[in-house]
Amino acid sequence: MVVVHFTAMATPEAALARLCDPLHEVSAHYLICPAGNITQMVDEAARAWHAGAGAWGATHDVNSRSIGIELANTGATPFAHPQMRALETLLAGIMARWQIAPERVIGHSDMAPGRKVDPGPRFDWAGLARQGLSVWPDVARPALEPLDGAGLVRLAGALAAFGYPDCDAATRLAAFRLRFRPRHSGAADARDLAIAENLAARFPVDRAHPNP
């Protein structure tokens, strides 16, 4: 899979120095700066230390099953147009070389709910999906009534079927919304359920060949 991050550092130069310093025990395959320049730090076939603790579906050692892309961004500003265009080109190549499906392009926050929030609410997941580089729900806009007990059970099942790891319900809902309903808060509602079930039906995570 591919895991997308932001660096949360003040400058691309500072991020590159951190990612190349063995004392910090963090690395990624690629760093993309706001101007669109791409720096490769780790060979795609090698393991980088970008994901850490977390899971996606049955894959718990995400570092050994993924390519990590860092976007130089503090998390508080929009992603620059040249940076996003460079990401799209890079992603298309990686996905072709490694036969990675669009649903296997995820955010750090997806696989590490509650621990990570990158690439954050400003990241354009819908734009990537329109180019076949990630996925986006295809649903109507149902009413926002809160879910009852049965609805909450269905929501938990759908989020797990899509790939979100097991954790408390509030943390998992927050991670899901960060990607698919950024800036929305409050109790789980019918729109959350519609989106989650649509994604789970169309893009169920591969549990047939677990990579624990």
N, C-alpha and C. Protein backbone atom coordinates (compact mmCIF):
# COMPACT_ATOMS: atom_id res chain seq x y z
N MET A 1 0.84 -1.19 0.00
CA MET A 1 0.00 0.00 0.00
C MET A 1 0.87 1.24 0.00
N VAL A 2 0.27 2.40 -0.13
CA VAL A 2 0.96 3.68 -0.03
C VAL A 2 0.36 4.44 1.15
N VAL A 3 1.20 5.02 1.98
CA VAL A 3 0.75 5.83 3.12
C VAL A 3 1.22 7.26 2.89
N VAL A 4 0.27 8.20 2.93
CA VAL A 4 0.56 9.62 2.71
C VAL A 4 0.64 10.33 4.05
N HIS A 5 1.66 11.19 4.20
CA HIS A 5 1.91 11.92 5.45
C HIS A 5 2.09 13.41 5.16
N PHE A 6 2.00 14.23 6.19
CA PHE A 6 2.64 15.54 6.14
C PHE A 6 3.77 15.57 7.17
N THR A 7 4.76 16.44 6.93
CA THR A 7 5.96 16.43 7.78
C THR A 7 5.76 17.13 9.12
N ALA A 8 4.84 18.11 9.18
CA ALA A 8 4.62 18.90 10.39
C ALA A 8 5.88 19.64 10.83
N MET A 9 6.71 20.00 9.88
CA MET A 9 7.93 20.75 10.19
C MET A 9 7.92 22.07 9.43
N ALA A 10 8.72 23.02 9.90
CA ALA A 10 8.65 24.38 9.39
C ALA A 10 9.11 24.51 7.94
N THR A 11 10.10 23.73 7.53
CA THR A 11 10.63 23.85 6.18
C THR A 11 10.90 22.47 5.59
N PRO A 12 10.93 22.37 4.25
CA PRO A 12 11.31 21.10 3.63
C PRO A 12 12.73 20.68 4.01
N GLU A 13 13.62 21.64 4.14
CA GLU A 13 15.01 21.33 4.49
C GLU A 13 15.10 20.69 5.87
N ALA A 14 14.32 21.22 6.81
CA ALA A 14 14.32 20.63 8.15
C ALA A 14 13.74 19.22 8.13
N ALA A 15 12.71 19.03 7.33
CA ALA A 15 12.11 17.70 7.22
C ALA A 15 13.09 16.70 6.61
N LEU A 16 13.80 17.13 5.57
CA LEU A 16 14.76 16.23 4.92
C LEU A 16 15.87 15.86 5.89
N ALA A 17 16.35 16.83 6.65
CA ALA A 17 17.40 16.53 7.62
C ALA A 17 16.92 15.53 8.66
N ARG A 18 15.71 15.70 9.13
CA ARG A 18 15.16 14.78 10.13
C ARG A 18 15.00 13.36 9.55
N LEU A 19 14.49 13.29 8.33
CA LEU A 19 14.23 11.99 7.72
C LEU A 19 15.52 11.25 7.35
N CYS A 20 16.61 11.97 7.25
CA CYS A 20 17.90 11.34 6.91
C CYS A 20 18.82 11.17 8.11
N ASP A 21 18.35 11.51 9.30
CA ASP A 21 19.18 11.41 10.51
C ASP A 21 18.85 10.10 11.22
N PRO A 22 19.77 9.15 11.26
CA PRO A 22 19.47 7.85 11.88
C PRO A 22 19.15 7.93 13.36
N LEU A 23 19.58 9.00 14.01
CA LEU A 23 19.30 9.12 15.44
C LEU A 23 17.80 9.27 15.72
N HIS A 24 17.06 9.79 14.75
CA HIS A 24 15.62 9.99 14.95
C HIS A 24 14.79 8.76 14.59
N GLU A 25 15.39 7.77 13.94
CA GLU A 25 14.72 6.52 13.60
C GLU A 25 13.38 6.75 12.90
N VAL A 26 13.41 7.66 11.94
CA VAL A 26 12.23 7.90 11.10
C VAL A 26 12.71 8.11 9.68
N SER A 27 12.00 7.56 8.72
CA SER A 27 12.39 7.71 7.32
C SER A 27 11.16 7.51 6.45
N ALA A 28 11.29 7.85 5.19
CA ALA A 28 10.22 7.64 4.22
C ALA A 28 10.86 7.42 2.87
N HIS A 29 10.08 6.90 1.95
CA HIS A 29 10.61 6.66 0.63
C HIS A 29 10.77 7.96 -0.16
N TYR A 30 9.81 8.87 0.00
CA TYR A 30 9.83 10.11 -0.77
C TYR A 30 9.44 11.30 0.10
N LEU A 31 9.99 12.45 -0.27
CA LEU A 31 9.59 13.75 0.28
C LEU A 31 9.28 14.67 -0.90
N ILE A 32 8.11 15.33 -0.84
CA ILE A 32 7.72 16.26 -1.89
C ILE A 32 7.60 17.65 -1.27
N CYS A 33 8.32 18.62 -1.82
CA CYS A 33 8.28 19.98 -1.29
C CYS A 33 7.15 20.76 -1.95
N PRO A 34 6.76 21.92 -1.41
CA PRO A 34 5.66 22.70 -1.98
C PRO A 34 5.87 23.10 -3.44
N ALA A 35 7.12 23.27 -3.87
CA ALA A 35 7.40 23.63 -5.26
C ALA A 35 7.25 22.45 -6.21
N GLY A 36 7.05 21.25 -5.66
CA GLY A 36 6.87 20.06 -6.48
C GLY A 36 8.11 19.23 -6.67
N ASN A 37 9.23 19.62 -6.08
CA ASN A 37 10.45 18.82 -6.18
C ASN A 37 10.32 17.56 -5.33
N ILE A 38 10.75 16.44 -5.89
CA ILE A 38 10.64 15.15 -5.22
C ILE A 38 12.03 14.65 -4.86
N THR A 39 12.22 14.27 -3.60
CA THR A 39 13.47 13.66 -3.15
C THR A 39 13.18 12.22 -2.74
N GLN A 40 13.89 11.27 -3.33
CA GLN A 40 13.77 9.88 -2.91
C GLN A 40 14.87 9.57 -1.92
N MET A 41 14.48 9.00 -0.77
CA MET A 41 15.43 8.71 0.29
C MET A 41 15.63 7.22 0.51
N VAL A 42 14.62 6.42 0.15
CA VAL A 42 14.68 4.97 0.36
C VAL A 42 14.19 4.30 -0.92
N ASP A 43 14.85 3.23 -1.32
CA ASP A 43 14.39 2.49 -2.48
C ASP A 43 12.99 1.93 -2.22
N GLU A 44 12.17 1.91 -3.25
CA GLU A 44 10.78 1.45 -3.07
C GLU A 44 10.70 0.01 -2.57
N ALA A 45 11.67 -0.80 -2.91
CA ALA A 45 11.66 -2.20 -2.48
C ALA A 45 12.14 -2.39 -1.05
N ALA A 46 12.66 -1.34 -0.43
CA ALA A 46 13.19 -1.42 0.93
C ALA A 46 12.17 -0.90 1.93
N ARG A 47 12.36 -1.28 3.18
CA ARG A 47 11.45 -0.89 4.26
C ARG A 47 11.89 0.45 4.83
N ALA A 48 10.96 1.39 4.94
CA ALA A 48 11.22 2.68 5.59
C ALA A 48 10.45 2.75 6.90
N TRP A 49 10.89 3.64 7.79
CA TRP A 49 10.27 3.78 9.12
C TRP A 49 9.33 4.98 9.11
N HIS A 50 8.23 4.86 8.44
CA HIS A 50 7.32 6.00 8.30
C HIS A 50 5.96 5.78 8.96
N ALA A 51 5.54 4.55 9.12
CA ALA A 51 4.17 4.29 9.56
C ALA A 51 4.05 4.10 11.07
N GLY A 52 4.94 3.33 11.65
CA GLY A 52 4.88 3.07 13.09
C GLY A 52 3.73 2.17 13.47
N ALA A 53 3.31 2.26 14.72
CA ALA A 53 2.25 1.39 15.23
C ALA A 53 0.93 1.71 14.55
N GLY A 54 0.20 0.66 14.23
CA GLY A 54 -1.10 0.82 13.59
C GLY A 54 -1.40 -0.39 12.73
N ALA A 55 -2.46 -0.30 11.94
CA ALA A 55 -2.86 -1.42 11.10
C ALA A 55 -3.80 -0.92 10.01
N TRP A 56 -3.90 -1.71 8.96
CA TRP A 56 -4.92 -1.49 7.94
C TRP A 56 -5.44 -2.86 7.55
N GLY A 57 -6.70 -3.13 7.91
CA GLY A 57 -7.21 -4.48 7.74
C GLY A 57 -6.37 -5.45 8.55
N ALA A 58 -5.95 -6.52 7.91
CA ALA A 58 -5.16 -7.54 8.60
C ALA A 58 -3.68 -7.24 8.60
N THR A 59 -3.26 -6.15 7.97
CA THR A 59 -1.84 -5.80 7.92
C THR A 59 -1.47 -4.97 9.14
N HIS A 60 -0.63 -5.54 10.00
CA HIS A 60 -0.21 -4.84 11.22
C HIS A 60 1.20 -4.27 11.09
N ASP A 61 2.06 -4.90 10.32
CA ASP A 61 3.38 -4.35 10.07
C ASP A 61 3.30 -3.52 8.79
N VAL A 62 2.74 -2.32 8.91
CA VAL A 62 2.50 -1.49 7.73
C VAL A 62 3.80 -1.06 7.08
N ASN A 63 4.84 -0.81 7.87
CA ASN A 63 6.12 -0.40 7.29
C ASN A 63 6.64 -1.41 6.27
N SER A 64 6.41 -2.69 6.53
CA SER A 64 6.92 -3.73 5.63
C SER A 64 6.02 -3.97 4.42
N ARG A 65 4.90 -3.29 4.38
CA ARG A 65 3.93 -3.52 3.29
C ARG A 65 3.56 -2.24 2.58
N SER A 66 4.39 -1.19 2.74
CA SER A 66 3.94 0.10 2.21
C SER A 66 5.10 0.96 1.74
N ILE A 67 4.76 1.92 0.89
CA ILE A 67 5.66 2.99 0.46
C ILE A 67 5.16 4.27 1.11
N GLY A 68 6.04 4.99 1.78
CA GLY A 68 5.67 6.20 2.50
C GLY A 68 6.04 7.45 1.73
N ILE A 69 5.07 8.36 1.60
CA ILE A 69 5.29 9.63 0.92
C ILE A 69 5.04 10.76 1.91
N GLU A 70 6.04 11.57 2.15
CA GLU A 70 5.94 12.73 3.04
C GLU A 70 5.73 14.00 2.20
N LEU A 71 4.74 14.79 2.56
CA LEU A 71 4.51 16.09 1.95
C LEU A 71 4.98 17.16 2.92
N ALA A 72 5.89 18.02 2.46
CA ALA A 72 6.40 19.09 3.32
C ALA A 72 5.28 20.10 3.56
N ASN A 73 4.70 20.04 4.74
CA ASN A 73 3.56 20.88 5.10
C ASN A 73 3.43 20.84 6.61
N THR A 74 3.12 21.98 7.21
CA THR A 74 3.01 22.04 8.67
C THR A 74 1.72 21.40 9.18
N GLY A 75 0.76 21.20 8.30
CA GLY A 75 -0.55 20.73 8.71
C GLY A 75 -1.54 21.85 8.91
N ALA A 76 -1.07 23.09 8.86
CA ALA A 76 -1.94 24.24 9.09
C ALA A 76 -2.22 25.04 7.82
N THR A 77 -1.64 24.63 6.71
CA THR A 77 -1.80 25.38 5.46
C THR A 77 -2.25 24.45 4.34
N PRO A 78 -2.87 25.00 3.30
CA PRO A 78 -3.25 24.15 2.16
C PRO A 78 -2.03 23.56 1.48
N PHE A 79 -2.22 22.46 0.80
CA PHE A 79 -1.14 21.84 0.04
C PHE A 79 -1.01 22.58 -1.29
N ALA A 80 0.22 22.94 -1.64
CA ALA A 80 0.46 23.73 -2.84
C ALA A 80 0.10 22.95 -4.10
N HIS A 81 -0.36 23.67 -5.12
CA HIS A 81 -0.75 23.04 -6.38
C HIS A 81 0.40 22.24 -7.00
N PRO A 82 1.62 22.79 -7.11
CA PRO A 82 2.71 21.99 -7.68
C PRO A 82 3.01 20.73 -6.87
N GLN A 83 2.86 20.83 -5.57
CA GLN A 83 3.10 19.67 -4.70
C GLN A 83 2.08 18.57 -4.98
N MET A 84 0.83 18.93 -5.12
CA MET A 84 -0.21 17.94 -5.40
C MET A 84 -0.03 17.33 -6.79
N ARG A 85 0.36 18.15 -7.77
CA ARG A 85 0.57 17.60 -9.12
C ARG A 85 1.74 16.61 -9.10
N ALA A 86 2.79 16.94 -8.36
CA ALA A 86 3.93 16.02 -8.25
C ALA A 86 3.51 14.73 -7.55
N LEU A 87 2.68 14.85 -6.52
CA LEU A 87 2.19 13.66 -5.83
C LEU A 87 1.39 12.78 -6.78
N GLU A 88 0.53 13.38 -7.57
CA GLU A 88 -0.28 12.59 -8.51
C GLU A 88 0.59 11.82 -9.49
N THR A 89 1.61 12.48 -10.02
CA THR A 89 2.51 11.80 -10.96
C THR A 89 3.27 10.67 -10.28
N LEU A 90 3.78 10.94 -9.07
CA LEU A 90 4.52 9.93 -8.33
C LEU A 90 3.62 8.74 -7.99
N LEU A 91 2.43 9.02 -7.50
CA LEU A 91 1.49 7.95 -7.14
C LEU A 91 1.17 7.07 -8.33
N ALA A 92 0.89 7.68 -9.46
CA ALA A 92 0.53 6.90 -10.64
C ALA A 92 1.65 5.92 -10.99
N GLY A 93 2.90 6.37 -10.90
CA GLY A 93 4.01 5.49 -11.19
C GLY A 93 4.17 4.37 -10.18
N ILE A 94 4.07 4.70 -8.90
CA ILE A 94 4.19 3.69 -7.85
C ILE A 94 3.10 2.64 -7.98
N MET A 95 1.88 3.09 -8.19
CA MET A 95 0.75 2.16 -8.28
C MET A 95 0.89 1.23 -9.47
N ALA A 96 1.41 1.75 -10.58
CA ALA A 96 1.62 0.91 -11.76
C ALA A 96 2.74 -0.10 -11.52
N ARG A 97 3.84 0.36 -10.91
CA ARG A 97 5.00 -0.53 -10.70
C ARG A 97 4.68 -1.67 -9.74
N TRP A 98 3.87 -1.39 -8.71
CA TRP A 98 3.62 -2.36 -7.66
C TRP A 98 2.20 -2.91 -7.68
N GLN A 99 1.44 -2.58 -8.70
CA GLN A 99 0.06 -3.07 -8.84
C GLN A 99 -0.76 -2.79 -7.57
N ILE A 100 -0.71 -1.54 -7.14
CA ILE A 100 -1.43 -1.11 -5.94
C ILE A 100 -2.78 -0.55 -6.35
N ALA A 101 -3.84 -1.07 -5.76
CA ALA A 101 -5.19 -0.61 -6.06
C ALA A 101 -5.44 0.75 -5.39
N PRO A 102 -6.35 1.55 -5.94
CA PRO A 102 -6.62 2.87 -5.36
C PRO A 102 -7.00 2.83 -3.89
N GLU A 103 -7.73 1.80 -3.47
CA GLU A 103 -8.15 1.72 -2.07
C GLU A 103 -7.00 1.43 -1.12
N ARG A 104 -5.83 1.08 -1.68
CA ARG A 104 -4.66 0.82 -0.85
C ARG A 104 -3.77 2.06 -0.72
N VAL A 105 -4.27 3.19 -1.16
CA VAL A 105 -3.61 4.48 -0.90
C VAL A 105 -4.34 5.12 0.26
N ILE A 106 -3.69 5.23 1.40
CA ILE A 106 -4.34 5.67 2.63
C ILE A 106 -3.54 6.78 3.29
N GLY A 107 -4.13 7.41 4.29
CA GLY A 107 -3.44 8.40 5.09
C GLY A 107 -2.87 7.78 6.35
N HIS A 108 -1.86 8.46 6.92
CA HIS A 108 -1.29 8.00 8.18
C HIS A 108 -2.38 7.92 9.26
N SER A 109 -3.31 8.86 9.23
CA SER A 109 -4.39 8.88 10.21
C SER A 109 -5.33 7.70 10.06
N ASP A 110 -5.44 7.13 8.85
CA ASP A 110 -6.32 5.98 8.65
C ASP A 110 -5.81 4.76 9.40
N MET A 111 -4.50 4.52 9.33
CA MET A 111 -3.95 3.31 9.93
C MET A 111 -3.54 3.49 11.39
N ALA A 112 -3.51 4.74 11.86
CA ALA A 112 -3.12 5.01 13.25
C ALA A 112 -4.11 5.97 13.90
N PRO A 113 -5.40 5.60 13.99
CA PRO A 113 -6.40 6.52 14.56
C PRO A 113 -6.04 6.93 15.98
N GLY A 114 -6.21 8.21 16.26
CA GLY A 114 -5.93 8.73 17.59
C GLY A 114 -4.47 9.05 17.83
N ARG A 115 -3.57 8.46 17.05
CA ARG A 115 -2.14 8.71 17.21
C ARG A 115 -1.63 9.69 16.16
N LYS A 116 -2.19 9.63 14.96
CA LYS A 116 -1.74 10.49 13.87
C LYS A 116 -2.94 11.18 13.22
N VAL A 117 -2.71 12.38 12.67
CA VAL A 117 -3.79 13.12 12.00
C VAL A 117 -3.42 13.50 10.56
N ASP A 118 -2.24 13.10 10.12
CA ASP A 118 -1.82 13.49 8.77
C ASP A 118 -2.34 12.50 7.71
N PRO A 119 -2.62 12.98 6.50
CA PRO A 119 -2.31 14.31 5.96
C PRO A 119 -3.33 15.40 6.30
N GLY A 120 -4.32 15.11 7.11
CA GLY A 120 -5.17 16.15 7.68
C GLY A 120 -6.35 16.58 6.83
N PRO A 121 -7.17 17.49 7.37
CA PRO A 121 -8.43 17.88 6.72
C PRO A 121 -8.25 18.71 5.46
N ARG A 122 -7.09 19.27 5.21
CA ARG A 122 -6.89 20.09 4.01
C ARG A 122 -6.46 19.27 2.79
N PHE A 123 -6.19 18.00 3.00
CA PHE A 123 -5.70 17.17 1.90
C PHE A 123 -6.86 16.79 0.97
N ASP A 124 -6.62 16.84 -0.34
CA ASP A 124 -7.68 16.65 -1.33
C ASP A 124 -7.80 15.18 -1.75
N TRP A 125 -8.41 14.38 -0.88
CA TRP A 125 -8.64 12.97 -1.21
C TRP A 125 -9.60 12.82 -2.39
N ALA A 126 -10.62 13.66 -2.45
CA ALA A 126 -11.58 13.56 -3.55
C ALA A 126 -10.91 13.81 -4.89
N GLY A 127 -9.99 14.76 -4.93
CA GLY A 127 -9.26 15.04 -6.16
C GLY A 127 -8.42 13.85 -6.61
N LEU A 128 -7.76 13.18 -5.67
CA LEU A 128 -7.00 11.99 -6.03
C LEU A 128 -7.93 10.91 -6.56
N ALA A 129 -9.08 10.74 -5.93
CA ALA A 129 -10.01 9.70 -6.34
C ALA A 129 -10.52 9.94 -7.76
N ARG A 130 -10.73 11.20 -8.13
CA ARG A 130 -11.20 11.49 -9.49
C ARG A 130 -10.20 11.05 -10.54
N GLN A 131 -8.95 10.90 -10.16
CA GLN A 131 -7.91 10.46 -11.10
C GLN A 131 -7.57 8.98 -10.92
N GLY A 132 -8.35 8.29 -10.11
CA GLY A 132 -8.10 6.87 -9.89
C GLY A 132 -6.93 6.58 -8.99
N LEU A 133 -6.53 7.57 -8.18
CA LEU A 133 -5.36 7.42 -7.32
C LEU A 133 -5.73 7.17 -5.86
N SER A 134 -6.99 7.17 -5.54
CA SER A 134 -7.50 6.82 -4.22
C SER A 134 -8.99 6.56 -4.40
N VAL A 135 -9.74 6.53 -3.31
CA VAL A 135 -11.17 6.24 -3.42
C VAL A 135 -11.98 7.30 -2.69
N TRP A 136 -13.24 7.43 -3.10
CA TRP A 136 -14.16 8.39 -2.51
C TRP A 136 -15.55 7.78 -2.55
N PRO A 137 -16.39 8.05 -1.57
CA PRO A 137 -17.74 7.47 -1.55
C PRO A 137 -18.63 8.03 -2.65
N ASP A 138 -19.58 7.21 -3.06
CA ASP A 138 -20.57 7.61 -4.06
C ASP A 138 -21.95 7.38 -3.45
N VAL A 139 -22.41 8.38 -2.72
CA VAL A 139 -23.69 8.25 -2.00
C VAL A 139 -24.49 9.53 -2.12
N ALA A 140 -25.80 9.40 -1.91
CA ALA A 140 -26.66 10.56 -1.77
C ALA A 140 -26.36 11.22 -0.43
N ARG A 141 -27.06 12.27 -0.13
CA ARG A 141 -26.82 12.98 1.14
C ARG A 141 -28.02 12.74 2.07
N PRO A 142 -27.96 11.64 2.83
CA PRO A 142 -29.09 11.33 3.72
C PRO A 142 -29.18 12.33 4.86
N ALA A 143 -30.30 12.28 5.53
CA ALA A 143 -30.51 13.16 6.69
C ALA A 143 -29.44 12.88 7.75
N LEU A 144 -29.27 13.83 8.66
CA LEU A 144 -28.21 13.75 9.64
C LEU A 144 -28.68 13.22 10.99
N GLU A 145 -29.73 12.42 11.01
CA GLU A 145 -30.21 11.94 12.30
C GLU A 145 -29.20 11.01 12.95
N PRO A 146 -29.06 11.09 14.27
CA PRO A 146 -28.11 10.22 14.97
C PRO A 146 -28.47 8.75 14.78
N LEU A 147 -27.47 7.90 14.85
CA LEU A 147 -27.69 6.46 14.71
C LEU A 147 -28.17 5.86 16.02
N ASP A 148 -29.05 4.86 15.91
CA ASP A 148 -29.44 4.09 17.08
C ASP A 148 -28.42 2.97 17.29
N GLY A 149 -28.70 2.10 18.27
CA GLY A 149 -27.75 1.05 18.58
C GLY A 149 -27.44 0.14 17.41
N ALA A 150 -28.48 -0.24 16.67
CA ALA A 150 -28.26 -1.11 15.51
C ALA A 150 -27.44 -0.41 14.44
N GLY A 151 -27.68 0.89 14.27
CA GLY A 151 -26.91 1.65 13.30
C GLY A 151 -25.45 1.74 13.68
N LEU A 152 -25.18 1.91 14.96
CA LEU A 152 -23.79 1.98 15.42
C LEU A 152 -23.06 0.66 15.19
N VAL A 153 -23.76 -0.45 15.36
CA VAL A 153 -23.16 -1.75 15.08
C VAL A 153 -22.84 -1.88 13.60
N ARG A 154 -23.77 -1.45 12.76
CA ARG A 154 -23.52 -1.49 11.32
C ARG A 154 -22.34 -0.60 10.93
N LEU A 155 -22.25 0.57 11.55
CA LEU A 155 -21.15 1.49 11.25
C LEU A 155 -19.81 0.86 11.63
N ALA A 156 -19.75 0.26 12.80
CA ALA A 156 -18.50 -0.38 13.24
C ALA A 156 -18.09 -1.47 12.26
N GLY A 157 -19.06 -2.26 11.82
CA GLY A 157 -18.77 -3.33 10.88
C GLY A 157 -18.27 -2.81 9.54
N ALA A 158 -18.89 -1.73 9.06
CA ALA A 158 -18.50 -1.17 7.77
C ALA A 158 -17.10 -0.56 7.84
N LEU A 159 -16.79 0.15 8.92
CA LEU A 159 -15.46 0.75 9.05
C LEU A 159 -14.37 -0.32 9.11
N ALA A 160 -14.66 -1.41 9.81
CA ALA A 160 -13.70 -2.52 9.87
C ALA A 160 -13.56 -3.18 8.51
N ALA A 161 -14.66 -3.35 7.80
CA ALA A 161 -14.62 -4.00 6.48
C ALA A 161 -13.84 -3.16 5.48
N PHE A 162 -13.89 -1.84 5.62
CA PHE A 162 -13.13 -0.98 4.73
C PHE A 162 -11.64 -1.01 5.06
N GLY A 163 -11.30 -1.21 6.34
CA GLY A 163 -9.89 -1.32 6.70
C GLY A 163 -9.50 -0.70 8.01
N TYR A 164 -10.34 0.15 8.61
CA TYR A 164 -9.93 0.85 9.83
C TYR A 164 -9.65 -0.14 10.95
N PRO A 165 -8.56 0.06 11.69
CA PRO A 165 -8.19 -0.89 12.74
C PRO A 165 -9.12 -0.81 13.95
N ASP A 166 -9.06 -1.85 14.74
CA ASP A 166 -9.91 -1.94 15.93
C ASP A 166 -9.42 -0.96 16.99
N CYS A 167 -10.31 -0.08 17.43
CA CYS A 167 -10.03 0.85 18.52
C CYS A 167 -11.38 1.35 19.02
N ASP A 168 -11.38 2.24 19.99
CA ASP A 168 -12.67 2.68 20.51
C ASP A 168 -13.44 3.43 19.43
N ALA A 169 -14.76 3.39 19.55
CA ALA A 169 -15.64 3.87 18.48
C ALA A 169 -15.43 5.35 18.16
N ALA A 170 -15.23 6.17 19.18
CA ALA A 170 -15.07 7.61 18.95
C ALA A 170 -13.78 7.91 18.19
N THR A 171 -12.71 7.21 18.54
CA THR A 171 -11.42 7.42 17.87
C THR A 171 -11.49 7.00 16.41
N ARG A 172 -12.11 5.88 16.16
CA ARG A 172 -12.21 5.39 14.78
C ARG A 172 -13.12 6.30 13.95
N LEU A 173 -14.21 6.77 14.53
CA LEU A 173 -15.10 7.69 13.81
C LEU A 173 -14.37 8.98 13.47
N ALA A 174 -13.56 9.48 14.40
CA ALA A 174 -12.83 10.72 14.15
C ALA A 174 -11.84 10.55 13.00
N ALA A 175 -11.16 9.41 12.94
CA ALA A 175 -10.21 9.16 11.85
C ALA A 175 -10.94 9.05 10.51
N PHE A 176 -12.05 8.36 10.50
CA PHE A 176 -12.86 8.22 9.28
C PHE A 176 -13.36 9.59 8.80
N ARG A 177 -13.85 10.39 9.71
CA ARG A 177 -14.36 11.71 9.33
C ARG A 177 -13.24 12.64 8.89
N LEU A 178 -12.07 12.52 9.48
CA LEU A 178 -10.94 13.37 9.09
C LEU A 178 -10.67 13.25 7.60
N ARG A 179 -10.89 12.07 7.07
CA ARG A 179 -10.65 11.84 5.64
C ARG A 179 -11.90 12.10 4.79
N PHE A 180 -13.04 11.63 5.23
CA PHE A 180 -14.22 11.65 4.37
C PHE A 180 -15.26 12.72 4.73
N ARG A 181 -15.19 13.27 5.94
CA ARG A 181 -16.08 14.36 6.34
C ARG A 181 -15.30 15.35 7.20
N PRO A 182 -14.25 15.94 6.66
CA PRO A 182 -13.41 16.82 7.48
C PRO A 182 -14.20 17.95 8.10
N ARG A 183 -13.84 18.26 9.32
CA ARG A 183 -14.43 19.33 10.13
C ARG A 183 -15.84 19.02 10.62
N HIS A 184 -16.35 17.83 10.38
CA HIS A 184 -17.66 17.47 10.92
C HIS A 184 -17.48 16.85 12.29
N SER A 185 -18.36 17.16 13.21
CA SER A 185 -18.27 16.62 14.57
C SER A 185 -19.66 16.22 15.04
N GLY A 186 -19.74 15.73 16.26
CA GLY A 186 -21.02 15.32 16.82
C GLY A 186 -21.20 13.81 16.78
N ALA A 187 -22.37 13.38 17.19
CA ALA A 187 -22.67 11.95 17.25
C ALA A 187 -22.67 11.34 15.85
N ALA A 188 -22.35 10.07 15.78
CA ALA A 188 -22.40 9.35 14.50
C ALA A 188 -23.82 9.43 13.94
N ASP A 189 -23.92 9.68 12.64
CA ASP A 189 -25.23 9.89 12.04
C ASP A 189 -25.40 9.06 10.77
N ALA A 190 -26.57 9.22 10.14
CA ALA A 190 -26.91 8.40 8.98
C ALA A 190 -25.98 8.64 7.81
N ARG A 191 -25.43 9.83 7.70
CA ARG A 191 -24.49 10.09 6.60
C ARG A 191 -23.19 9.34 6.80
N ASP A 192 -22.71 9.28 8.05
CA ASP A 192 -21.53 8.46 8.33
C ASP A 192 -21.77 7.02 7.89
N LEU A 193 -22.93 6.49 8.25
CA LEU A 193 -23.23 5.09 7.94
C LEU A 193 -23.31 4.87 6.44
N ALA A 194 -23.96 5.78 5.73
CA ALA A 194 -24.09 5.63 4.28
C ALA A 194 -22.73 5.64 3.60
N ILE A 195 -21.86 6.55 4.02
CA ILE A 195 -20.53 6.62 3.42
C ILE A 195 -19.73 5.37 3.74
N ALA A 196 -19.74 4.95 5.00
CA ALA A 196 -18.95 3.79 5.43
C ALA A 196 -19.42 2.52 4.73
N GLU A 197 -20.72 2.32 4.62
CA GLU A 197 -21.22 1.11 3.97
C GLU A 197 -20.96 1.13 2.47
N ASN A 198 -21.00 2.30 1.86
CA ASN A 198 -20.67 2.40 0.45
C ASN A 198 -19.21 2.02 0.20
N LEU A 199 -18.32 2.54 1.02
CA LEU A 199 -16.90 2.23 0.87
C LEU A 199 -16.62 0.76 1.14
N ALA A 200 -17.25 0.21 2.17
CA ALA A 200 -17.01 -1.18 2.52
C ALA A 200 -17.51 -2.13 1.42
N ALA A 201 -18.62 -1.77 0.79
CA ALA A 201 -19.17 -2.62 -0.27
C ALA A 201 -18.32 -2.56 -1.54
N ARG A 202 -17.81 -1.38 -1.84
CA ARG A 202 -17.06 -1.20 -3.09
C ARG A 202 -15.58 -1.53 -2.94
N PHE A 203 -15.03 -1.29 -1.75
CA PHE A 203 -13.58 -1.42 -1.56
C PHE A 203 -13.25 -2.17 -0.26
N PRO A 204 -13.74 -3.38 -0.09
CA PRO A 204 -13.42 -4.11 1.15
C PRO A 204 -11.93 -4.40 1.24
N VAL A 205 -11.37 -4.22 2.44
CA VAL A 205 -9.95 -4.48 2.62
C VAL A 205 -9.68 -5.96 2.42
N ASP A 206 -8.49 -6.30 1.90
CA ASP A 206 -8.16 -7.70 1.61
C ASP A 206 -7.79 -8.41 2.89
N ARG A 207 -8.68 -9.26 3.37
CA ARG A 207 -8.39 -10.07 4.56
C ARG A 207 -8.13 -11.52 4.19
N ALA A 208 -8.12 -11.84 2.89
CA ALA A 208 -7.91 -13.23 2.48
C ALA A 208 -6.47 -13.66 2.66
N HIS A 209 -5.54 -12.70 2.61
CA HIS A 209 -4.11 -13.03 2.72
C HIS A 209 -3.49 -12.13 3.78
N PRO A 210 -3.76 -12.42 5.07
CA PRO A 210 -3.30 -11.52 6.14
C PRO A 210 -1.78 -11.44 6.20
N ASN A 211 -1.32 -10.24 6.54
CA ASN A 211 0.11 -9.99 6.75
C ASN A 211 0.31 -9.48 8.17
N PRO A 212 0.27 -10.34 9.16
CA PRO A 212 0.31 -9.88 10.55
C PRO A 212 1.66 -9.28 10.92
